[in-house]
């Protein structure tokens, strides 16, 4: 009986360890649907090995915020992006950082003189 209990405890511990290491990897994806601070949603997807995003709800539905920003580290992407309030002709030097369950989206122009940033949540 004692061997059975030890085996059961060991199996539970192994299962728990395995799930603990799988779950964060699934939760750490930058791709999917994100809620912006203004309540609208943005869809983020992989496009040609890079990252793309567009607004999918609200007044600016269909506005493409970034197309093809490059991954520069495991949780950071950089490249040109646009802001829904500024129109599609104005480019920002953008940075997207995944940290836990938040996506930090920041765009700057004129050498960082003018910047805007948002934190998106799943």
PDB file of N, CA and C in Angstrom:
ATOM      1  N   UNK A   1       0.824  -1.192   0.000  1.00  0.00           N
ATOM      2  CA  UNK A   1       0.000   0.000   0.000  1.00  0.00           C
ATOM      3  C   UNK A   1       0.868   1.256   0.000  1.00  0.00           C
ATOM      4  N   UNK A   2       1.937   1.226   0.783  1.00  0.00           N
ATOM      5  CA  UNK A   2       2.827   2.380   0.873  1.00  0.00           C
ATOM      6  C   UNK A   2       3.475   2.668  -0.488  1.00  0.00           C
ATOM      7  N   UNK A   3       3.869   1.615  -1.221  1.00  0.00           N
ATOM      8  CA  UNK A   3       4.463   1.797  -2.540  1.00  0.00           C
ATOM      9  C   UNK A   3       3.460   2.422  -3.503  1.00  0.00           C
ATOM     10  N   UNK A   4       2.202   2.031  -3.383  1.00  0.00           N
ATOM     11  CA  UNK A   4       1.154   2.588  -4.244  1.00  0.00           C
ATOM     12  C   UNK A   4       0.980   4.080  -3.981  1.00  0.00           C
ATOM     13  N   UNK A   5       0.974   4.481  -2.739  1.00  0.00           N
ATOM     14  CA  UNK A   5       0.810   5.892  -2.369  1.00  0.00           C
ATOM     15  C   UNK A   5       2.006   6.703  -2.883  1.00  0.00           C
ATOM     16  N   UNK A   6       3.221   6.188  -2.683  1.00  0.00           N
ATOM     17  CA  UNK A   6       4.410   6.881  -3.172  1.00  0.00           C
ATOM     18  C   UNK A   6       4.390   7.009  -4.689  1.00  0.00           C
ATOM     19  N   UNK A   7       3.956   5.965  -5.381  1.00  0.00           N
ATOM     20  CA  UNK A   7       3.873   6.010  -6.846  1.00  0.00           C
ATOM     21  C   UNK A   7       2.840   7.037  -7.286  1.00  0.00           C
ATOM     22  N   UNK A   8       1.694   7.089  -6.596  1.00  0.00           N
ATOM     23  CA  UNK A   8       0.641   8.050  -6.941  1.00  0.00           C
ATOM     24  C   UNK A   8       1.120   9.481  -6.703  1.00  0.00           C
ATOM     25  N   UNK A   9       1.779   9.727  -5.579  1.00  0.00           N
ATOM     26  CA  UNK A   9       2.313  11.059  -5.281  1.00  0.00           C
ATOM     27  C   UNK A   9       3.355  11.451  -6.326  1.00  0.00           C
ATOM     28  N   UNK A  10       4.209  10.528  -6.700  1.00  0.00           N
ATOM     29  CA  UNK A  10       5.215  10.801  -7.725  1.00  0.00           C
ATOM     30  C   UNK A  10       4.583  11.133  -9.069  1.00  0.00           C
ATOM     31  N   UNK A  11       3.539  10.412  -9.450  1.00  0.00           N
ATOM     32  CA  UNK A  11       2.853  10.668 -10.726  1.00  0.00           C
ATOM     33  C   UNK A  11       2.203  12.045 -10.723  1.00  0.00           C
ATOM     34  N   UNK A  12       1.587  12.414  -9.608  1.00  0.00           N
ATOM     35  CA  UNK A  12       0.968  13.737  -9.494  1.00  0.00           C
ATOM     36  C   UNK A  12       2.029  14.830  -9.574  1.00  0.00           C
ATOM     37  N   UNK A  13       3.156  14.625  -8.934  1.00  0.00           N
ATOM     38  CA  UNK A  13       4.232  15.615  -8.960  1.00  0.00           C
ATOM     39  C   UNK A  13       4.773  15.789 -10.378  1.00  0.00           C
ATOM     40  N   UNK A  14       4.969  14.690 -11.089  1.00  0.00           N
ATOM     41  CA  UNK A  14       5.458  14.767 -12.468  1.00  0.00           C
ATOM     42  C   UNK A  14       4.438  15.469 -13.350  1.00  0.00           C
ATOM     43  N   UNK A  15       3.156  15.137 -13.199  1.00  0.00           N
ATOM     44  CA  UNK A  15       2.104  15.782 -13.997  1.00  0.00           C
ATOM     45  C   UNK A  15       2.058  17.279 -13.711  1.00  0.00           C
ATOM     46  N   UNK A  16       2.155  17.641 -12.443  1.00  0.00           N
ATOM     47  CA  UNK A  16       2.147  19.057 -12.067  1.00  0.00           C
ATOM     48  C   UNK A  16       3.333  19.794 -12.638  1.00  0.00           C
ATOM     49  N   UNK A  17       4.501  19.189 -12.577  1.00  0.00           N
ATOM     50  CA  UNK A  17       5.722  19.799 -13.125  1.00  0.00           C
ATOM     51  C   UNK A  17       5.582  19.991 -14.633  1.00  0.00           C
ATOM     52  N   UNK A  18       5.053  18.984 -15.317  1.00  0.00           N
ATOM     53  CA  UNK A  18       4.874  19.065 -16.771  1.00  0.00           C
ATOM     54  C   UNK A  18       3.889  20.165 -17.128  1.00  0.00           C
ATOM     55  N   UNK A  19       2.757  20.232 -16.462  1.00  0.00           N
ATOM     56  CA  UNK A  19       1.759  21.271 -16.749  1.00  0.00           C
ATOM     57  C   UNK A  19       2.298  22.658 -16.441  1.00  0.00           C
ATOM     58  N   UNK A  20       3.075  22.785 -15.383  1.00  0.00           N
ATOM     59  CA  UNK A  20       3.641  24.084 -15.018  1.00  0.00           C
ATOM     60  C   UNK A  20       4.572  24.595 -16.100  1.00  0.00           C
ATOM     61  N   UNK A  21       5.234  23.700 -16.808  1.00  0.00           N
ATOM     62  CA  UNK A  21       6.160  24.121 -17.852  1.00  0.00           C
ATOM     63  C   UNK A  21       5.494  24.274 -19.212  1.00  0.00           C
ATOM     64  N   UNK A  22       4.336  23.665 -19.410  1.00  0.00           N
ATOM     65  CA  UNK A  22       3.612  23.803 -20.679  1.00  0.00           C
ATOM     66  C   UNK A  22       2.739  25.046 -20.660  1.00  0.00           C
ATOM     67  N   UNK A  23       2.017  25.291 -19.585  1.00  0.00           N
ATOM     68  CA  UNK A  23       1.059  26.388 -19.530  1.00  0.00           C
ATOM     69  C   UNK A  23       1.685  27.756 -19.813  1.00  0.00           C
ATOM     70  N   UNK A  24       2.842  28.126 -19.216  1.00  0.00           N
ATOM     71  CA  UNK A  24       3.404  29.434 -19.510  1.00  0.00           C
ATOM     72  C   UNK A  24       3.766  29.609 -20.978  1.00  0.00           C
ATOM     73  N   UNK A  25       4.199  28.566 -21.641  1.00  0.00           N
ATOM     74  CA  UNK A  25       4.557  28.681 -23.050  1.00  0.00           C
ATOM     75  C   UNK A  25       3.326  29.015 -23.875  1.00  0.00           C
ATOM     76  N   UNK A  26       2.188  28.414 -23.541  1.00  0.00           N
ATOM     77  CA  UNK A  26       0.957  28.708 -24.259  1.00  0.00           C
ATOM     78  C   UNK A  26       0.493  30.126 -23.971  1.00  0.00           C
ATOM     79  N   UNK A  27       0.613  30.560 -22.720  1.00  0.00           N
ATOM     80  CA  UNK A  27       0.151  31.884 -22.326  1.00  0.00           C
ATOM     81  C   UNK A  27       1.055  32.980 -22.862  1.00  0.00           C
ATOM     82  N   UNK A  28       2.273  32.637 -23.254  1.00  0.00           N
ATOM     83  CA  UNK A  28       3.258  33.641 -23.649  1.00  0.00           C
ATOM     84  C   UNK A  28       3.225  33.983 -25.134  1.00  0.00           C
ATOM     85  N   UNK A  29       2.159  33.659 -25.832  1.00  0.00           N
ATOM     86  CA  UNK A  29       2.091  33.973 -27.254  1.00  0.00           C
ATOM     87  C   UNK A  29       1.629  35.406 -27.467  1.00  0.00           C
ATOM     88  N   UNK A  30       2.326  36.104 -28.331  1.00  0.00           N
ATOM     89  CA  UNK A  30       1.940  37.478 -28.671  1.00  0.00           C
ATOM     90  C   UNK A  30       0.814  37.483 -29.696  1.00  0.00           C
ATOM     91  N   UNK A  31       0.546  36.358 -30.310  1.00  0.00           N
ATOM     92  CA  UNK A  31      -0.440  36.285 -31.373  1.00  0.00           C
ATOM     93  C   UNK A  31      -1.819  35.978 -30.812  1.00  0.00           C
ATOM     94  N   UNK A  32      -2.828  36.573 -31.423  1.00  0.00           N
ATOM     95  CA  UNK A  32      -4.201  36.369 -30.986  1.00  0.00           C
ATOM     96  C   UNK A  32      -4.941  37.700 -30.927  1.00  0.00           C
ATOM     97  N   UNK A  33      -6.025  37.718 -30.187  1.00  0.00           N
ATOM     98  CA  UNK A  33      -6.848  38.921 -30.051  1.00  0.00           C
ATOM     99  C   UNK A  33      -6.523  39.614 -28.737  1.00  0.00           C
ATOM    100  N   UNK A  34      -6.289  40.930 -28.820  1.00  0.00           N
ATOM    101  CA  UNK A  34      -5.910  41.731 -27.666  1.00  0.00           C
ATOM    102  C   UNK A  34      -6.885  42.879 -27.478  1.00  0.00           C
ATOM    103  N   UNK A  35      -7.133  43.236 -26.227  1.00  0.00           N
ATOM    104  CA  UNK A  35      -7.992  44.376 -25.901  1.00  0.00           C
ATOM    105  C   UNK A  35      -7.113  45.599 -25.675  1.00  0.00           C
ATOM    106  N   UNK A  36      -7.432  46.666 -26.405  1.00  0.00           N
ATOM    107  CA  UNK A  36      -6.699  47.922 -26.261  1.00  0.00           C
ATOM    108  C   UNK A  36      -7.305  48.737 -25.122  1.00  0.00           C
ATOM    109  N   UNK A  37      -6.591  49.719 -24.571  1.00  0.00           N
ATOM    110  CA  UNK A  37      -7.115  50.514 -23.453  1.00  0.00           C
ATOM    111  C   UNK A  37      -8.437  51.232 -23.759  1.00  0.00           C
ATOM    112  N   UNK A  38      -8.678  51.568 -25.033  1.00  0.00           N
ATOM    113  CA  UNK A  38      -9.923  52.253 -25.381  1.00  0.00           C
ATOM    114  C   UNK A  38     -11.093  51.294 -25.552  1.00  0.00           C
ATOM    115  N   UNK A  39     -10.873  49.998 -25.319  1.00  0.00           N
ATOM    116  CA  UNK A  39     -11.941  49.007 -25.384  1.00  0.00           C
ATOM    117  C   UNK A  39     -12.051  48.286 -26.719  1.00  0.00           C
ATOM    118  N   UNK A  40     -11.393  48.798 -27.758  1.00  0.00           N
ATOM    119  CA  UNK A  40     -11.425  48.098 -29.038  1.00  0.00           C
ATOM    120  C   UNK A  40     -10.489  46.895 -28.976  1.00  0.00           C
ATOM    121  N   UNK A  41     -10.607  46.052 -29.967  1.00  0.00           N
ATOM    122  CA  UNK A  41      -9.754  44.871 -30.022  1.00  0.00           C
ATOM    123  C   UNK A  41      -8.859  44.925 -31.250  1.00  0.00           C
ATOM    124  N   UNK A  42      -7.687  44.325 -31.107  1.00  0.00           N
ATOM    125  CA  UNK A  42      -6.744  44.216 -32.213  1.00  0.00           C
ATOM    126  C   UNK A  42      -6.363  42.755 -32.372  1.00  0.00           C
ATOM    127  N   UNK A  43      -6.265  42.343 -33.610  1.00  0.00           N
ATOM    128  CA  UNK A  43      -5.813  40.986 -33.911  1.00  0.00           C
ATOM    129  C   UNK A  43      -4.342  41.069 -34.283  1.00  0.00           C
ATOM    130  N   UNK A  44      -3.531  40.210 -33.657  1.00  0.00           N
ATOM    131  CA  UNK A  44      -2.093  40.152 -33.924  1.00  0.00           C
ATOM    132  C   UNK A  44      -1.802  38.767 -34.481  1.00  0.00           C
ATOM    133  N   UNK A  45      -1.094  38.720 -35.613  1.00  0.00           N
ATOM    134  CA  UNK A  45      -0.790  37.440 -36.227  1.00  0.00           C
ATOM    135  C   UNK A  45       0.601  37.454 -36.844  1.00  0.00           C
ATOM    136  N   UNK A  46       1.083  36.247 -37.098  1.00  0.00           N
ATOM    137  CA  UNK A  46       2.393  36.076 -37.731  1.00  0.00           C
ATOM    138  C   UNK A  46       2.189  36.210 -39.236  1.00  0.00           C
ATOM    139  N   UNK A  47       3.014  37.046 -39.861  1.00  0.00           N
ATOM    140  CA  UNK A  47       2.900  37.253 -41.308  1.00  0.00           C
ATOM    141  C   UNK A  47       4.293  37.230 -41.926  1.00  0.00           C
ATOM    142  N   UNK A  48       4.565  36.204 -42.682  1.00  0.00           N
ATOM    143  CA  UNK A  48       5.868  36.090 -43.326  1.00  0.00           C
ATOM    144  C   UNK A  48       7.025  36.072 -42.356  1.00  0.00           C
ATOM    145  N   UNK A  49       6.859  35.437 -41.203  1.00  0.00           N
ATOM    146  CA  UNK A  49       7.919  35.382 -40.205  1.00  0.00           C
ATOM    147  C   UNK A  49       8.023  36.638 -39.357  1.00  0.00           C
ATOM    148  N   UNK A  50       7.134  37.584 -39.563  1.00  0.00           N
ATOM    149  CA  UNK A  50       7.132  38.838 -38.800  1.00  0.00           C
ATOM    150  C   UNK A  50       5.795  38.971 -38.082  1.00  0.00           C
ATOM    151  N   UNK A  51       5.497  40.155 -37.548  1.00  0.00           N
ATOM    152  CA  UNK A  51       4.257  40.380 -36.818  1.00  0.00           C
ATOM    153  C   UNK A  51       3.410  41.441 -37.512  1.00  0.00           C
ATOM    154  N   UNK A  52       2.114  41.168 -37.620  1.00  0.00           N
ATOM    155  CA  UNK A  52       1.155  42.118 -38.172  1.00  0.00           C
ATOM    156  C   UNK A  52       0.019  42.297 -37.167  1.00  0.00           C
ATOM    157  N   UNK A  53      -0.667  43.452 -37.247  1.00  0.00           N
ATOM    158  CA  UNK A  53      -1.809  43.696 -36.362  1.00  0.00           C
ATOM    159  C   UNK A  53      -2.773  44.671 -37.009  1.00  0.00           C
ATOM    160  N   UNK A  54      -4.068  44.463 -36.722  1.00  0.00           N
ATOM    161  CA  UNK A  54      -5.073  45.415 -37.172  1.00  0.00           C
ATOM    162  C   UNK A  54      -6.204  45.485 -36.151  1.00  0.00           C
ATOM    163  N   UNK A  55      -6.879  46.622 -36.148  1.00  0.00           N
ATOM    164  CA  UNK A  55      -8.027  46.846 -35.271  1.00  0.00           C
ATOM    165  C   UNK A  55      -9.195  46.043 -35.849  1.00  0.00           C
ATOM    166  N   UNK A  56      -9.886  45.276 -34.994  1.00  0.00           N
ATOM    167  CA  UNK A  56     -10.981  44.443 -35.494  1.00  0.00           C
ATOM    168  C   UNK A  56     -12.347  44.833 -34.943  1.00  0.00           C
ATOM    169  N   UNK A  57     -12.397  45.809 -34.022  1.00  0.00           N
ATOM    170  CA  UNK A  57     -13.686  46.284 -33.516  1.00  0.00           C
ATOM    171  C   UNK A  57     -13.641  47.810 -33.388  1.00  0.00           C
ATOM    172  N   UNK A  58     -14.821  48.412 -33.325  1.00  0.00           N
ATOM    173  CA  UNK A  58     -14.903  49.847 -33.068  1.00  0.00           C
ATOM    174  C   UNK A  58     -14.789  50.723 -34.301  1.00  0.00           C
ATOM    175  N   UNK A  59     -14.641  52.011 -34.037  1.00  0.00           N
ATOM    176  CA  UNK A  59     -14.634  53.049 -35.072  1.00  0.00           C
ATOM    177  C   UNK A  59     -13.564  52.820 -36.143  1.00  0.00           C
ATOM    178  N   UNK A  60     -12.402  52.377 -35.756  1.00  0.00           N
ATOM    179  CA  UNK A  60     -11.284  52.189 -36.689  1.00  0.00           C
ATOM    180  C   UNK A  60     -11.135  50.749 -37.158  1.00  0.00           C
ATOM    181  N   UNK A  61     -12.232  49.998 -37.138  1.00  0.00           N
ATOM    182  CA  UNK A  61     -12.200  48.586 -37.544  1.00  0.00           C
ATOM    183  C   UNK A  61     -11.556  48.462 -38.922  1.00  0.00           C
ATOM    184  N   UNK A  62     -10.605  47.534 -39.031  1.00  0.00           N
ATOM    185  CA  UNK A  62      -9.914  47.297 -40.287  1.00  0.00           C
ATOM    186  C   UNK A  62      -8.615  48.073 -40.439  1.00  0.00           C
ATOM    187  N   UNK A  63      -8.348  49.025 -39.529  1.00  0.00           N
ATOM    188  CA  UNK A  63      -7.121  49.817 -39.614  1.00  0.00           C
ATOM    189  C   UNK A  63      -5.920  48.926 -39.303  1.00  0.00           C
ATOM    190  N   UNK A  64      -4.976  48.869 -40.216  1.00  0.00           N
ATOM    191  CA  UNK A  64      -3.772  48.057 -40.033  1.00  0.00           C
ATOM    192  C   UNK A  64      -2.742  48.881 -39.274  1.00  0.00           C
ATOM    193  N   UNK A  65      -2.395  48.429 -38.073  1.00  0.00           N
ATOM    194  CA  UNK A  65      -1.460  49.160 -37.220  1.00  0.00           C
ATOM    195  C   UNK A  65      -0.011  48.846 -37.551  1.00  0.00           C
ATOM    196  N   UNK A  66       0.287  47.590 -37.824  1.00  0.00           N
ATOM    197  CA  UNK A  66       1.631  47.252 -38.275  1.00  0.00           C
ATOM    198  C   UNK A  66       1.613  46.018 -39.159  1.00  0.00           C
ATOM    199  N   UNK A  67       2.498  46.081 -40.150  1.00  0.00           N
ATOM    200  CA  UNK A  67       2.638  44.974 -41.094  1.00  0.00           C
ATOM    201  C   UNK A  67       4.106  44.604 -41.185  1.00  0.00           C
ATOM    202  N   UNK A  68       4.411  43.485 -40.684  1.00  0.00           N
ATOM    203  CA  UNK A  68       5.763  42.964 -40.850  1.00  0.00           C
ATOM    204  C   UNK A  68       6.831  43.572 -39.976  1.00  0.00           C
ATOM    205  N   UNK A  69       6.536  43.758 -38.678  1.00  0.00           N
ATOM    206  CA  UNK A  69       7.620  44.203 -37.798  1.00  0.00           C
ATOM    207  C   UNK A  69       8.440  42.974 -37.392  1.00  0.00           C
ATOM    208  N   UNK A  70       9.737  43.175 -37.273  1.00  0.00           N
ATOM    209  CA  UNK A  70      10.675  42.064 -37.072  1.00  0.00           C
ATOM    210  C   UNK A  70      10.872  41.712 -35.605  1.00  0.00           C
ATOM    211  N   UNK A  71      11.022  40.423 -35.358  1.00  0.00           N
ATOM    212  CA  UNK A  71      11.354  39.939 -34.022  1.00  0.00           C
ATOM    213  C   UNK A  71      12.835  40.191 -33.775  1.00  0.00           C
ATOM    214  N   UNK A  72      13.147  40.909 -32.694  1.00  0.00           N
ATOM    215  CA  UNK A  72      14.545  41.231 -32.393  1.00  0.00           C
ATOM    216  C   UNK A  72      15.066  40.495 -31.163  1.00  0.00           C
ATOM    217  N   UNK A  73      14.168  39.913 -30.381  1.00  0.00           N
ATOM    218  CA  UNK A  73      14.525  39.065 -29.247  1.00  0.00           C
ATOM    219  C   UNK A  73      13.310  38.187 -28.967  1.00  0.00           C
ATOM    220  N   UNK A  74      13.402  37.237 -28.042  1.00  0.00           N
ATOM    221  CA  UNK A  74      12.290  36.310 -27.836  1.00  0.00           C
ATOM    222  C   UNK A  74      10.922  36.970 -27.614  1.00  0.00           C
ATOM    223  N   UNK A  75      10.859  38.125 -26.978  1.00  0.00           N
ATOM    224  CA  UNK A  75       9.575  38.762 -26.690  1.00  0.00           C
ATOM    225  C   UNK A  75       9.489  40.206 -27.169  1.00  0.00           C
ATOM    226  N   UNK A  76      10.311  40.581 -28.143  1.00  0.00           N
ATOM    227  CA  UNK A  76      10.338  41.965 -28.623  1.00  0.00           C
ATOM    228  C   UNK A  76      10.364  42.013 -30.144  1.00  0.00           C
ATOM    229  N   UNK A  77       9.535  42.908 -30.703  1.00  0.00           N
ATOM    230  CA  UNK A  77       9.476  43.138 -32.141  1.00  0.00           C
ATOM    231  C   UNK A  77       9.663  44.630 -32.382  1.00  0.00           C
ATOM    232  N   UNK A  78      10.304  44.990 -33.499  1.00  0.00           N
ATOM    233  CA  UNK A  78      10.522  46.397 -33.838  1.00  0.00           C
ATOM    234  C   UNK A  78      10.289  46.614 -35.322  1.00  0.00           C
ATOM    235  N   UNK A  79       9.762  47.817 -35.643  1.00  0.00           N
ATOM    236  CA  UNK A  79       9.541  48.169 -37.036  1.00  0.00           C
ATOM    237  C   UNK A  79       8.557  49.307 -37.164  1.00  0.00           C
ATOM    238  N   UNK A  80       8.190  49.612 -38.396  1.00  0.00           N
ATOM    239  CA  UNK A  80       7.239  50.695 -38.656  1.00  0.00           C
ATOM    240  C   UNK A  80       5.838  50.306 -38.223  1.00  0.00           C
ATOM    241  N   UNK A  81       5.149  51.270 -37.617  1.00  0.00           N
ATOM    242  CA  UNK A  81       3.752  51.065 -37.255  1.00  0.00           C
ATOM    243  C   UNK A  81       2.984  52.356 -37.452  1.00  0.00           C
ATOM    244  N   UNK A  82       1.675  52.227 -37.405  1.00  0.00           N
ATOM    245  CA  UNK A  82       0.786  53.363 -37.579  1.00  0.00           C
ATOM    246  C   UNK A  82      -0.168  53.428 -36.394  1.00  0.00           C
ATOM    247  N   UNK A  83      -0.720  54.614 -36.158  1.00  0.00           N
ATOM    248  CA  UNK A  83      -1.663  54.822 -35.056  1.00  0.00           C
ATOM    249  C   UNK A  83      -3.026  55.135 -35.652  1.00  0.00           C
ATOM    250  N   UNK A  84      -4.082  54.485 -35.179  1.00  0.00           N
ATOM    251  CA  UNK A  84      -5.409  54.730 -35.740  1.00  0.00           C
ATOM    252  C   UNK A  84      -5.842  56.203 -35.723  1.00  0.00           C
ATOM    253  N   UNK A  85      -5.392  56.964 -34.743  1.00  0.00           N
ATOM    254  CA  UNK A  85      -5.781  58.374 -34.662  1.00  0.00           C
ATOM    255  C   UNK A  85      -4.974  59.260 -35.615  1.00  0.00           C
ATOM    256  N   UNK A  86      -3.861  58.769 -36.126  1.00  0.00           N
ATOM    257  CA  UNK A  86      -2.982  59.580 -36.966  1.00  0.00           C
ATOM    258  C   UNK A  86      -3.139  59.285 -38.456  1.00  0.00           C
ATOM    259  N   UNK A  87      -3.893  58.271 -38.807  1.00  0.00           N
ATOM    260  CA  UNK A  87      -4.077  57.949 -40.216  1.00  0.00           C
ATOM    261  C   UNK A  87      -2.997  57.040 -40.758  1.00  0.00           C
ATOM    262  N   UNK A  88      -3.229  56.590 -41.974  1.00  0.00           N
ATOM    263  CA  UNK A  88      -2.322  55.589 -42.534  1.00  0.00           C
ATOM    264  C   UNK A  88      -1.089  56.151 -43.225  1.00  0.00           C
ATOM    265  N   UNK A  89      -0.937  57.462 -43.282  1.00  0.00           N
ATOM    266  CA  UNK A  89       0.228  58.041 -43.952  1.00  0.00           C
ATOM    267  C   UNK A  89       1.357  58.412 -42.999  1.00  0.00           C
ATOM    268  N   UNK A  90       1.139  58.291 -41.701  1.00  0.00           N
ATOM    269  CA  UNK A  90       2.158  58.673 -40.726  1.00  0.00           C
ATOM    270  C   UNK A  90       2.759  57.426 -40.088  1.00  0.00           C
ATOM    271  N   UNK A  91       4.078  57.270 -40.207  1.00  0.00           N
ATOM    272  CA  UNK A  91       4.775  56.114 -39.648  1.00  0.00           C
ATOM    273  C   UNK A  91       5.443  56.446 -38.328  1.00  0.00           C
ATOM    274  N   UNK A  92       5.468  55.467 -37.451  1.00  0.00           N
ATOM    275  CA  UNK A  92       6.147  55.559 -36.169  1.00  0.00           C
ATOM    276  C   UNK A  92       7.202  54.462 -36.120  1.00  0.00           C
ATOM    277  N   UNK A  93       8.296  54.697 -35.414  1.00  0.00           N
ATOM    278  CA  UNK A  93       9.257  53.641 -35.094  1.00  0.00           C
ATOM    279  C   UNK A  93       8.648  52.884 -33.928  1.00  0.00           C
ATOM    280  N   UNK A  94       8.212  51.681 -34.189  1.00  0.00           N
ATOM    281  CA  UNK A  94       7.461  50.943 -33.184  1.00  0.00           C
ATOM    282  C   UNK A  94       8.232  49.855 -32.491  1.00  0.00           C
ATOM    283  N   UNK A  95       7.809  49.596 -31.260  1.00  0.00           N
ATOM    284  CA  UNK A  95       8.335  48.498 -30.464  1.00  0.00           C
ATOM    285  C   UNK A  95       7.162  47.796 -29.795  1.00  0.00           C
ATOM    286  N   UNK A  96       7.123  46.483 -29.897  1.00  0.00           N
ATOM    287  CA  UNK A  96       6.105  45.660 -29.248  1.00  0.00           C
ATOM    288  C   UNK A  96       6.835  44.695 -28.329  1.00  0.00           C
ATOM    289  N   UNK A  97       6.425  44.671 -27.056  1.00  0.00           N
ATOM    290  CA  UNK A  97       7.065  43.799 -26.075  1.00  0.00           C
ATOM    291  C   UNK A  97       5.997  42.972 -25.369  1.00  0.00           C
ATOM    292  N   UNK A  98       6.173  41.664 -25.373  1.00  0.00           N
ATOM    293  CA  UNK A  98       5.298  40.753 -24.637  1.00  0.00           C
ATOM    294  C   UNK A  98       5.889  40.530 -23.263  1.00  0.00           C
ATOM    295  N   UNK A  99       5.094  40.830 -22.236  1.00  0.00           N
ATOM    296  CA  UNK A  99       5.535  40.617 -20.859  1.00  0.00           C
ATOM    297  C   UNK A  99       4.364  40.024 -20.088  1.00  0.00           C
ATOM    298  N   UNK A 100       4.446  38.732 -19.810  1.00  0.00           N
ATOM    299  CA  UNK A 100       3.353  38.043 -19.131  1.00  0.00           C
ATOM    300  C   UNK A 100       2.122  38.023 -20.016  1.00  0.00           C
ATOM    301  N   UNK A 101       1.009  38.531 -19.495  1.00  0.00           N
ATOM    302  CA  UNK A 101      -0.237  38.556 -20.260  1.00  0.00           C
ATOM    303  C   UNK A 101      -0.522  39.941 -20.839  1.00  0.00           C
ATOM    304  N   UNK A 102       0.488  40.768 -20.947  1.00  0.00           N
ATOM    305  CA  UNK A 102       0.339  42.126 -21.494  1.00  0.00           C
ATOM    306  C   UNK A 102       1.229  42.291 -22.728  1.00  0.00           C
ATOM    307  N   UNK A 103       0.734  43.064 -23.659  1.00  0.00           N
ATOM    308  CA  UNK A 103       1.503  43.413 -24.842  1.00  0.00           C
ATOM    309  C   UNK A 103       1.685  44.926 -24.811  1.00  0.00           C
ATOM    310  N   UNK A 104       2.923  45.355 -24.703  1.00  0.00           N
ATOM    311  CA  UNK A 104       3.237  46.775 -24.667  1.00  0.00           C
ATOM    312  C   UNK A 104       3.526  47.230 -26.097  1.00  0.00           C
ATOM    313  N   UNK A 105       2.746  48.195 -26.575  1.00  0.00           N
ATOM    314  CA  UNK A 105       2.880  48.695 -27.940  1.00  0.00           C
ATOM    315  C   UNK A 105       3.257  50.169 -27.854  1.00  0.00           C
ATOM    316  N   UNK A 106       4.418  50.521 -28.425  1.00  0.00           N
ATOM    317  CA  UNK A 106       4.901  51.897 -28.341  1.00  0.00           C
ATOM    318  C   UNK A 106       5.410  52.343 -29.703  1.00  0.00           C
ATOM    319  N   UNK A 107       5.028  53.552 -30.084  1.00  0.00           N
ATOM    320  CA  UNK A 107       5.496  54.118 -31.340  1.00  0.00           C
ATOM    321  C   UNK A 107       6.028  55.521 -31.116  1.00  0.00           C
ATOM    322  N   UNK A 108       7.162  55.838 -31.737  1.00  0.00           N
ATOM    323  CA  UNK A 108       7.785  57.161 -31.595  1.00  0.00           C
ATOM    324  C   UNK A 108       8.122  57.716 -32.975  1.00  0.00           C
ATOM    325  N   UNK A 109       8.183  59.041 -33.046  1.00  0.00           N
ATOM    326  CA  UNK A 109       8.596  59.692 -34.285  1.00  0.00           C
ATOM    327  C   UNK A 109       9.471  60.887 -33.954  1.00  0.00           C
ATOM    328  N   UNK A 110      10.121  61.431 -34.946  1.00  0.00           N
ATOM    329  CA  UNK A 110      11.037  62.559 -34.820  1.00  0.00           C
ATOM    330  C   UNK A 110      12.069  62.278 -33.726  1.00  0.00           C
ATOM    331  N   UNK A 111      12.781  61.164 -33.896  1.00  0.00           N
ATOM    332  CA  UNK A 111      13.854  60.814 -32.985  1.00  0.00           C
ATOM    333  C   UNK A 111      13.417  60.568 -31.554  1.00  0.00           C
ATOM    334  N   UNK A 112      12.182  60.142 -31.358  1.00  0.00           N
ATOM    335  CA  UNK A 112      11.683  59.880 -30.011  1.00  0.00           C
ATOM    336  C   UNK A 112      11.100  61.094 -29.328  1.00  0.00           C
ATOM    337  N   UNK A 113      10.980  62.200 -30.063  1.00  0.00           N
ATOM    338  CA  UNK A 113      10.420  63.427 -29.498  1.00  0.00           C
ATOM    339  C   UNK A 113       8.925  63.271 -29.204  1.00  0.00           C
ATOM    340  N   UNK A 114       8.216  62.561 -30.086  1.00  0.00           N
ATOM    341  CA  UNK A 114       6.778  62.317 -29.913  1.00  0.00           C
ATOM    342  C   UNK A 114       6.562  60.821 -29.856  1.00  0.00           C
ATOM    343  N   UNK A 115       5.977  60.342 -28.776  1.00  0.00           N
ATOM    344  CA  UNK A 115       5.719  58.913 -28.601  1.00  0.00           C
ATOM    345  C   UNK A 115       4.312  58.696 -28.067  1.00  0.00           C
ATOM    346  N   UNK A 116       3.771  57.524 -28.341  1.00  0.00           N
ATOM    347  CA  UNK A 116       2.506  57.091 -27.772  1.00  0.00           C
ATOM    348  C   UNK A 116       2.673  55.622 -27.418  1.00  0.00           C
ATOM    349  N   UNK A 117       2.071  55.201 -26.336  1.00  0.00           N
ATOM    350  CA  UNK A 117       2.202  53.820 -25.897  1.00  0.00           C
ATOM    351  C   UNK A 117       0.874  53.304 -25.337  1.00  0.00           C
ATOM    352  N   UNK A 118       0.650  52.032 -25.509  1.00  0.00           N
ATOM    353  CA  UNK A 118      -0.524  51.367 -24.950  1.00  0.00           C
ATOM    354  C   UNK A 118      -0.108  50.014 -24.390  1.00  0.00           C
ATOM    355  N   UNK A 119      -0.838  49.549 -23.381  1.00  0.00           N
ATOM    356  CA  UNK A 119      -0.673  48.182 -22.876  1.00  0.00           C
ATOM    357  C   UNK A 119      -1.947  47.441 -23.232  1.00  0.00           C
ATOM    358  N   UNK A 120      -1.781  46.375 -23.981  1.00  0.00           N
ATOM    359  CA  UNK A 120      -2.911  45.556 -24.410  1.00  0.00           C
ATOM    360  C   UNK A 120      -3.016  44.331 -23.507  1.00  0.00           C
ATOM    361  N   UNK A 121      -4.223  43.845 -23.299  1.00  0.00           N
ATOM    362  CA  UNK A 121      -4.428  42.643 -22.483  1.00  0.00           C
ATOM    363  C   UNK A 121      -5.229  41.621 -23.272  1.00  0.00           C
ATOM    364  N   UNK A 122      -5.054  40.361 -22.916  1.00  0.00           N
ATOM    365  CA  UNK A 122      -5.772  39.263 -23.592  1.00  0.00           C
ATOM    366  C   UNK A 122      -7.214  39.261 -23.165  1.00  0.00           C
TER     367      UNK A 122
END
